[in-house]
């Protein structure tokens, strides 16, 4: 989910900080960003809200 990394960096949030906000491990966020795994569907609204983007934007880089 390339959008997670892009929006996280755009907002100046570290992987560790995002993980802390969402209640997951930093390695989990790293796996999301490298497409090693995907967040559970119920987490997507919280991720999008934290990163200030839409859920759809999490899947793709911003235009």
PDB file of N, CA and C in Angstrom:
ATOM      1  N   UNK A   1       0.853  -1.176   0.000  1.00  0.00           N
ATOM      2  CA  UNK A   1       0.000   0.000   0.000  1.00  0.00           C
ATOM      3  C   UNK A   1       0.898   1.237   0.000  1.00  0.00           C
ATOM      4  N   UNK A   2       1.299   1.595  -1.181  1.00  0.00           N
ATOM      5  CA  UNK A   2       2.252   2.688  -1.349  1.00  0.00           C
ATOM      6  C   UNK A   2       1.768   3.991  -0.728  1.00  0.00           C
ATOM      7  N   UNK A   3       0.468   4.206  -0.752  1.00  0.00           N
ATOM      8  CA  UNK A   3      -0.084   5.439  -0.207  1.00  0.00           C
ATOM      9  C   UNK A   3       0.181   5.614   1.280  1.00  0.00           C
ATOM     10  N   UNK A   4       0.218   4.532   2.039  1.00  0.00           N
ATOM     11  CA  UNK A   4       0.483   4.648   3.476  1.00  0.00           C
ATOM     12  C   UNK A   4       1.838   5.306   3.699  1.00  0.00           C
ATOM     13  N   UNK A   5       2.851   4.811   3.024  1.00  0.00           N
ATOM     14  CA  UNK A   5       4.197   5.366   3.200  1.00  0.00           C
ATOM     15  C   UNK A   5       4.255   6.825   2.753  1.00  0.00           C
ATOM     16  N   UNK A   6       3.662   7.116   1.610  1.00  0.00           N
ATOM     17  CA  UNK A   6       3.719   8.481   1.078  1.00  0.00           C
ATOM     18  C   UNK A   6       3.017   9.465   2.005  1.00  0.00           C
ATOM     19  N   UNK A   7       1.811   9.132   2.436  1.00  0.00           N
ATOM     20  CA  UNK A   7       1.077  10.049   3.314  1.00  0.00           C
ATOM     21  C   UNK A   7       1.696  10.109   4.711  1.00  0.00           C
ATOM     22  N   UNK A   8       2.256   9.009   5.169  1.00  0.00           N
ATOM     23  CA  UNK A   8       2.921   9.015   6.478  1.00  0.00           C
ATOM     24  C   UNK A   8       4.113   9.965   6.438  1.00  0.00           C
ATOM     25  N   UNK A   9       4.925   9.855   5.399  1.00  0.00           N
ATOM     26  CA  UNK A   9       6.093  10.724   5.282  1.00  0.00           C
ATOM     27  C   UNK A   9       5.687  12.178   5.062  1.00  0.00           C
ATOM     28  N   UNK A  10       4.654  12.389   4.255  1.00  0.00           N
ATOM     29  CA  UNK A  10       4.162  13.741   3.991  1.00  0.00           C
ATOM     30  C   UNK A  10       3.740  14.436   5.281  1.00  0.00           C
ATOM     31  N   UNK A  11       3.208  13.657   6.218  1.00  0.00           N
ATOM     32  CA  UNK A  11       2.747  14.206   7.492  1.00  0.00           C
ATOM     33  C   UNK A  11       3.826  14.185   8.571  1.00  0.00           C
ATOM     34  N   UNK A  12       5.020  13.727   8.220  1.00  0.00           N
ATOM     35  CA  UNK A  12       6.122  13.717   9.185  1.00  0.00           C
ATOM     36  C   UNK A  12       5.916  12.726  10.317  1.00  0.00           C
ATOM     37  N   UNK A  13       5.245  11.624  10.028  1.00  0.00           N
ATOM     38  CA  UNK A  13       4.969  10.608  11.043  1.00  0.00           C
ATOM     39  C   UNK A  13       5.899   9.421  10.800  1.00  0.00           C
ATOM     40  N   UNK A  14       6.554   8.956  11.840  1.00  0.00           N
ATOM     41  CA  UNK A  14       7.417   7.784  11.704  1.00  0.00           C
ATOM     42  C   UNK A  14       6.568   6.518  11.701  1.00  0.00           C
ATOM     43  N   UNK A  15       7.163   5.431  11.231  1.00  0.00           N
ATOM     44  CA  UNK A  15       6.467   4.150  11.288  1.00  0.00           C
ATOM     45  C   UNK A  15       6.119   3.816  12.734  1.00  0.00           C
ATOM     46  N   UNK A  16       7.048   4.070  13.638  1.00  0.00           N
ATOM     47  CA  UNK A  16       6.811   3.761  15.050  1.00  0.00           C
ATOM     48  C   UNK A  16       5.658   4.582  15.612  1.00  0.00           C
ATOM     49  N   UNK A  17       5.591   5.857  15.252  1.00  0.00           N
ATOM     50  CA  UNK A  17       4.515   6.718  15.751  1.00  0.00           C
ATOM     51  C   UNK A  17       3.161   6.268  15.197  1.00  0.00           C
ATOM     52  N   UNK A  18       3.118   5.944  13.911  1.00  0.00           N
ATOM     53  CA  UNK A  18       1.867   5.469  13.320  1.00  0.00           C
ATOM     54  C   UNK A  18       1.433   4.164  13.976  1.00  0.00           C
ATOM     55  N   UNK A  19       2.382   3.293  14.189  1.00  0.00           N
ATOM     56  CA  UNK A  19       2.083   2.022  14.849  1.00  0.00           C
ATOM     57  C   UNK A  19       1.503   2.263  16.239  1.00  0.00           C
ATOM     58  N   UNK A  20       2.091   3.182  16.973  1.00  0.00           N
ATOM     59  CA  UNK A  20       1.621   3.496  18.328  1.00  0.00           C
ATOM     60  C   UNK A  20       0.192   4.036  18.302  1.00  0.00           C
ATOM     61  N   UNK A  21      -0.086   4.927  17.359  1.00  0.00           N
ATOM     62  CA  UNK A  21      -1.432   5.501  17.239  1.00  0.00           C
ATOM     63  C   UNK A  21      -2.464   4.416  16.938  1.00  0.00           C
ATOM     64  N   UNK A  22      -2.081   3.481  16.072  1.00  0.00           N
ATOM     65  CA  UNK A  22      -3.017   2.449  15.622  1.00  0.00           C
ATOM     66  C   UNK A  22      -3.037   1.204  16.503  1.00  0.00           C
ATOM     67  N   UNK A  23      -2.097   1.116  17.442  1.00  0.00           N
ATOM     68  CA  UNK A  23      -2.060  -0.035  18.345  1.00  0.00           C
ATOM     69  C   UNK A  23      -1.511  -1.289  17.701  1.00  0.00           C
ATOM     70  N   UNK A  24      -0.559  -1.113  16.764  1.00  0.00           N
ATOM     71  CA  UNK A  24       0.098  -2.252  16.123  1.00  0.00           C
ATOM     72  C   UNK A  24       1.605  -2.102  16.298  1.00  0.00           C
ATOM     73  N   UNK A  25       2.360  -3.093  15.865  1.00  0.00           N
ATOM     74  CA  UNK A  25       3.813  -3.030  15.950  1.00  0.00           C
ATOM     75  C   UNK A  25       4.383  -2.263  14.751  1.00  0.00           C
ATOM     76  N   UNK A  26       5.556  -1.679  14.950  1.00  0.00           N
ATOM     77  CA  UNK A  26       6.228  -0.949  13.871  1.00  0.00           C
ATOM     78  C   UNK A  26       6.487  -1.866  12.688  1.00  0.00           C
ATOM     79  N   UNK A  27       6.813  -3.104  12.963  1.00  0.00           N
ATOM     80  CA  UNK A  27       7.072  -4.052  11.869  1.00  0.00           C
ATOM     81  C   UNK A  27       5.815  -4.300  11.037  1.00  0.00           C
ATOM     82  N   UNK A  28       4.658  -4.183  11.660  1.00  0.00           N
ATOM     83  CA  UNK A  28       3.396  -4.331  10.927  1.00  0.00           C
ATOM     84  C   UNK A  28       3.239  -3.201   9.919  1.00  0.00           C
ATOM     85  N   UNK A  29       3.514  -1.973  10.351  1.00  0.00           N
ATOM     86  CA  UNK A  29       3.438  -0.822   9.440  1.00  0.00           C
ATOM     87  C   UNK A  29       4.440  -1.002   8.301  1.00  0.00           C
ATOM     88  N   UNK A  30       5.638  -1.462   8.617  1.00  0.00           N
ATOM     89  CA  UNK A  30       6.657  -1.691   7.586  1.00  0.00           C
ATOM     90  C   UNK A  30       6.173  -2.717   6.568  1.00  0.00           C
ATOM     91  N   UNK A  31       5.514  -3.765   7.030  1.00  0.00           N
ATOM     92  CA  UNK A  31       4.996  -4.785   6.120  1.00  0.00           C
ATOM     93  C   UNK A  31       3.897  -4.216   5.220  1.00  0.00           C
ATOM     94  N   UNK A  32       3.046  -3.359   5.764  1.00  0.00           N
ATOM     95  CA  UNK A  32       2.015  -2.719   4.950  1.00  0.00           C
ATOM     96  C   UNK A  32       2.656  -1.910   3.834  1.00  0.00           C
ATOM     97  N   UNK A  33       3.701  -1.179   4.177  1.00  0.00           N
ATOM     98  CA  UNK A  33       4.329  -0.283   3.218  1.00  0.00           C
ATOM     99  C   UNK A  33       5.091  -1.022   2.122  1.00  0.00           C
ATOM    100  N   UNK A  34       5.510  -2.229   2.388  1.00  0.00           N
ATOM    101  CA  UNK A  34       6.245  -3.003   1.386  1.00  0.00           C
ATOM    102  C   UNK A  34       5.374  -4.068   0.741  1.00  0.00           C
ATOM    103  N   UNK A  35       4.069  -3.986   0.994  1.00  0.00           N
ATOM    104  CA  UNK A  35       3.093  -4.944   0.454  1.00  0.00           C
ATOM    105  C   UNK A  35       3.352  -6.376   0.911  1.00  0.00           C
ATOM    106  N   UNK A  36       4.029  -6.525   2.052  1.00  0.00           N
ATOM    107  CA  UNK A  36       4.227  -7.847   2.626  1.00  0.00           C
ATOM    108  C   UNK A  36       2.957  -8.356   3.280  1.00  0.00           C
ATOM    109  N   UNK A  37       2.112  -7.420   3.695  1.00  0.00           N
ATOM    110  CA  UNK A  37       0.801  -7.741   4.249  1.00  0.00           C
ATOM    111  C   UNK A  37      -0.064  -6.502   4.118  1.00  0.00           C
ATOM    112  N   UNK A  38      -1.329  -6.650   4.416  1.00  0.00           N
ATOM    113  CA  UNK A  38      -2.260  -5.536   4.298  1.00  0.00           C
ATOM    114  C   UNK A  38      -2.990  -5.340   5.623  1.00  0.00           C
ATOM    115  N   UNK A  39      -3.369  -4.100   5.921  1.00  0.00           N
ATOM    116  CA  UNK A  39      -4.126  -3.855   7.151  1.00  0.00           C
ATOM    117  C   UNK A  39      -5.490  -4.534   7.081  1.00  0.00           C
ATOM    118  N   UNK A  40      -6.008  -4.877   8.245  1.00  0.00           N
ATOM    119  CA  UNK A  40      -7.371  -5.405   8.296  1.00  0.00           C
ATOM    120  C   UNK A  40      -8.327  -4.307   7.821  1.00  0.00           C
ATOM    121  N   UNK A  41      -9.376  -4.717   7.174  1.00  0.00           N
ATOM    122  CA  UNK A  41     -10.332  -3.768   6.593  1.00  0.00           C
ATOM    123  C   UNK A  41     -10.868  -2.788   7.633  1.00  0.00           C
ATOM    124  N   UNK A  42     -11.095  -3.261   8.840  1.00  0.00           N
ATOM    125  CA  UNK A  42     -11.650  -2.366   9.867  1.00  0.00           C
ATOM    126  C   UNK A  42     -10.651  -1.307  10.337  1.00  0.00           C
ATOM    127  N   UNK A  43      -9.380  -1.474  10.004  1.00  0.00           N
ATOM    128  CA  UNK A  43      -8.361  -0.479  10.380  1.00  0.00           C
ATOM    129  C   UNK A  43      -8.241   0.644   9.354  1.00  0.00           C
ATOM    130  N   UNK A  44      -8.724   0.428   8.150  1.00  0.00           N
ATOM    131  CA  UNK A  44      -8.534   1.407   7.083  1.00  0.00           C
ATOM    132  C   UNK A  44      -9.077   2.802   7.408  1.00  0.00           C
ATOM    133  N   UNK A  45     -10.275   2.931   7.993  1.00  0.00           N
ATOM    134  CA  UNK A  45     -10.745   4.280   8.324  1.00  0.00           C
ATOM    135  C   UNK A  45      -9.817   5.006   9.306  1.00  0.00           C
ATOM    136  N   UNK A  46      -9.299   4.309  10.300  1.00  0.00           N
ATOM    137  CA  UNK A  46      -8.407   4.939  11.276  1.00  0.00           C
ATOM    138  C   UNK A  46      -7.083   5.340  10.631  1.00  0.00           C
ATOM    139  N   UNK A  47      -6.579   4.497   9.735  1.00  0.00           N
ATOM    140  CA  UNK A  47      -5.327   4.827   9.050  1.00  0.00           C
ATOM    141  C   UNK A  47      -5.528   6.068   8.195  1.00  0.00           C
ATOM    142  N   UNK A  48      -6.605   6.076   7.413  1.00  0.00           N
ATOM    143  CA  UNK A  48      -6.881   7.220   6.540  1.00  0.00           C
ATOM    144  C   UNK A  48      -7.074   8.503   7.347  1.00  0.00           C
ATOM    145  N   UNK A  49      -7.806   8.416   8.438  1.00  0.00           N
ATOM    146  CA  UNK A  49      -8.037   9.596   9.271  1.00  0.00           C
ATOM    147  C   UNK A  49      -6.725  10.114   9.853  1.00  0.00           C
ATOM    148  N   UNK A  50      -5.892   9.225  10.349  1.00  0.00           N
ATOM    149  CA  UNK A  50      -4.610   9.610  10.934  1.00  0.00           C
ATOM    150  C   UNK A  50      -3.705  10.283   9.897  1.00  0.00           C
ATOM    151  N   UNK A  51      -3.747   9.766   8.663  1.00  0.00           N
ATOM    152  CA  UNK A  51      -2.865  10.287   7.613  1.00  0.00           C
ATOM    153  C   UNK A  51      -3.509  11.419   6.804  1.00  0.00           C
ATOM    154  N   UNK A  52      -4.772  11.727   7.093  1.00  0.00           N
ATOM    155  CA  UNK A  52      -5.440  12.839   6.421  1.00  0.00           C
ATOM    156  C   UNK A  52      -5.709  12.593   4.948  1.00  0.00           C
ATOM    157  N   UNK A  53      -6.128  11.383   4.625  1.00  0.00           N
ATOM    158  CA  UNK A  53      -6.407  11.050   3.231  1.00  0.00           C
ATOM    159  C   UNK A  53      -7.617  10.121   3.172  1.00  0.00           C
ATOM    160  N   UNK A  54      -8.024   9.803   1.956  1.00  0.00           N
ATOM    161  CA  UNK A  54      -9.129   8.864   1.793  1.00  0.00           C
ATOM    162  C   UNK A  54      -8.610   7.431   1.873  1.00  0.00           C
ATOM    163  N   UNK A  55      -9.511   6.500   2.081  1.00  0.00           N
ATOM    164  CA  UNK A  55      -9.118   5.087   2.087  1.00  0.00           C
ATOM    165  C   UNK A  55      -8.558   4.698   0.723  1.00  0.00           C
ATOM    166  N   UNK A  56      -9.184   5.174  -0.341  1.00  0.00           N
ATOM    167  CA  UNK A  56      -8.691   4.864  -1.684  1.00  0.00           C
ATOM    168  C   UNK A  56      -7.256   5.335  -1.879  1.00  0.00           C
ATOM    169  N   UNK A  57      -6.908   6.470  -1.294  1.00  0.00           N
ATOM    170  CA  UNK A  57      -5.561   7.014  -1.455  1.00  0.00           C
ATOM    171  C   UNK A  57      -4.500   6.136  -0.809  1.00  0.00           C
ATOM    172  N   UNK A  58      -4.890   5.304   0.144  1.00  0.00           N
ATOM    173  CA  UNK A  58      -3.920   4.422   0.796  1.00  0.00           C
ATOM    174  C   UNK A  58      -3.367   3.392  -0.171  1.00  0.00           C
ATOM    175  N   UNK A  59      -4.130   3.061  -1.206  1.00  0.00           N
ATOM    176  CA  UNK A  59      -3.734   2.026  -2.141  1.00  0.00           C
ATOM    177  C   UNK A  59      -2.819   2.524  -3.260  1.00  0.00           C
ATOM    178  N   UNK A  60      -2.844   3.812  -3.508  1.00  0.00           N
ATOM    179  CA  UNK A  60      -2.052   4.343  -4.615  1.00  0.00           C
ATOM    180  C   UNK A  60      -1.350   5.622  -4.186  1.00  0.00           C
ATOM    181  N   UNK A  61      -0.269   5.901  -4.898  1.00  0.00           N
ATOM    182  CA  UNK A  61       0.445   7.160  -4.676  1.00  0.00           C
ATOM    183  C   UNK A  61      -0.453   8.312  -5.119  1.00  0.00           C
ATOM    184  N   UNK A  62      -0.371   9.452  -4.449  1.00  0.00           N
ATOM    185  CA  UNK A  62      -1.180  10.598  -4.874  1.00  0.00           C
ATOM    186  C   UNK A  62      -0.757  11.082  -6.261  1.00  0.00           C
ATOM    187  N   UNK A  63      -1.705  11.603  -6.985  1.00  0.00           N
ATOM    188  CA  UNK A  63      -1.425  12.094  -8.353  1.00  0.00           C
ATOM    189  C   UNK A  63      -0.659  13.399  -8.314  1.00  0.00           C
TER     190      UNK A  63
END
